[in-house]
Amino acid sequence: MSDTAADAESTVSGNQANIPARIRRELDIDDGDHLRWEIRDDGTLRVEVVQQREGTFAEFDGYDGAADTDAATDHDDWGVE
């Protein structure tokens, strides 16, 4: 390790390393996000957070149809046994 101050540290276990909670909160890292790793020519490591908050269902809040449904009754009405 270098003598420079670190924002946070974690320990590698097997092939995995934890991201410290303070770093996750500050960078808004959540389940499903990806980390893009880059080893630079000078030997330093750059990690970019690729947040998965955009996509087909990112803004989907559920079906807001005009009619209420009753799954037990509708199940039979649809011919599913």
Protein backbone atom coordinates (compact mmCIF):
# COMPACT_ATOMS: atom_id res chain seq x y z
CA MET A 1 0.00 0.00 0.00
CA SER A 2 1.08 3.55 -0.58
CA ASP A 3 1.55 6.20 2.08
CA THR A 4 -1.30 8.33 0.70
CA ALA A 5 -4.54 8.63 2.64
CA ALA A 6 -7.37 6.42 1.42
CA ASP A 7 -11.09 7.25 1.33
CA ALA A 8 -11.86 3.73 2.58
CA GLU A 9 -10.40 0.23 2.57
CA SER A 10 -11.76 -3.29 2.25
CA THR A 11 -10.33 -6.79 2.28
CA VAL A 12 -10.38 -9.23 -0.61
CA SER A 13 -11.89 -12.62 0.24
CA GLY A 14 -11.46 -15.26 -2.44
CA ASN A 15 -12.09 -13.37 -5.66
CA GLN A 16 -14.39 -10.77 -4.12
CA ALA A 17 -13.97 -7.39 -2.46
CA ASN A 18 -16.63 -5.44 -0.61
CA ILE A 19 -17.34 -1.82 -1.40
CA PRO A 20 -17.36 0.10 1.89
CA ALA A 21 -20.82 1.40 2.88
CA ARG A 22 -19.71 5.04 2.90
CA ILE A 23 -18.48 4.73 -0.70
CA ARG A 24 -21.71 2.96 -1.80
CA ARG A 25 -23.83 5.71 -0.24
CA GLU A 26 -21.76 8.58 -1.62
CA LEU A 27 -21.75 7.15 -5.17
CA ASP A 28 -25.34 5.85 -4.96
CA ILE A 29 -24.26 2.29 -5.81
CA ASP A 30 -27.16 -0.16 -5.58
CA ASP A 31 -27.95 -3.80 -6.39
CA GLY A 32 -27.74 -4.42 -10.13
CA ASP A 33 -25.21 -1.67 -10.79
CA HIS A 34 -22.03 -2.66 -12.62
CA LEU A 35 -18.44 -1.68 -11.97
CA ARG A 36 -16.20 -1.07 -14.99
CA TRP A 37 -12.53 -1.69 -14.17
CA GLU A 38 -9.56 -0.16 -16.01
CA ILE A 39 -5.87 -0.71 -15.29
CA ARG A 40 -4.01 2.36 -16.49
CA ASP A 41 -0.53 2.46 -18.01
CA ASP A 42 0.86 4.02 -14.82
CA GLY A 43 -0.35 1.00 -12.78
CA THR A 44 -3.29 2.76 -11.16
CA LEU A 45 -6.79 1.32 -11.13
CA ARG A 46 -9.86 3.26 -12.26
CA VAL A 47 -13.35 2.02 -11.36
CA GLU A 48 -16.45 3.51 -12.98
CA VAL A 49 -19.95 2.90 -11.62
CA VAL A 50 -22.44 2.02 -14.35
CA GLN A 51 -25.85 2.50 -12.78
CA GLN A 52 -28.68 0.30 -14.06
CA ARG A 53 -31.51 2.72 -13.46
CA GLU A 54 -32.37 3.24 -17.10
CA GLY A 55 -34.02 0.75 -19.37
CA THR A 56 -37.31 -0.67 -20.48
CA PHE A 57 -38.93 -0.83 -17.03
CA ALA A 58 -36.94 1.84 -15.16
CA GLU A 59 -39.93 4.18 -14.83
CA PHE A 60 -42.61 1.46 -14.62
CA ASP A 61 -44.72 1.84 -11.48
CA GLY A 62 -47.12 -1.01 -12.20
CA TYR A 63 -50.38 -1.37 -14.06
CA ASP A 64 -52.92 1.33 -13.31
CA GLY A 65 -55.85 -0.03 -15.33
CA ALA A 66 -59.41 1.18 -15.17
CA ALA A 67 -60.85 -1.99 -13.63
CA ASP A 68 -59.91 -3.85 -10.47
CA THR A 69 -59.23 -7.54 -10.88
CA ASP A 70 -59.78 -10.54 -8.65
CA ALA A 71 -57.14 -13.13 -9.47
CA ALA A 72 -59.16 -16.08 -8.10
CA THR A 73 -62.23 -15.24 -10.20
CA ASP A 74 -60.39 -13.96 -13.27
CA HIS A 75 -58.15 -17.02 -13.29
CA ASP A 76 -61.17 -19.21 -13.96
CA ASP A 77 -62.68 -16.73 -16.44
CA TRP A 78 -59.52 -16.89 -18.56
CA GLY A 79 -59.88 -20.63 -18.96
CA VAL A 80 -56.82 -21.51 -16.94
CA GLU A 81 -57.24 -24.60 -14.83
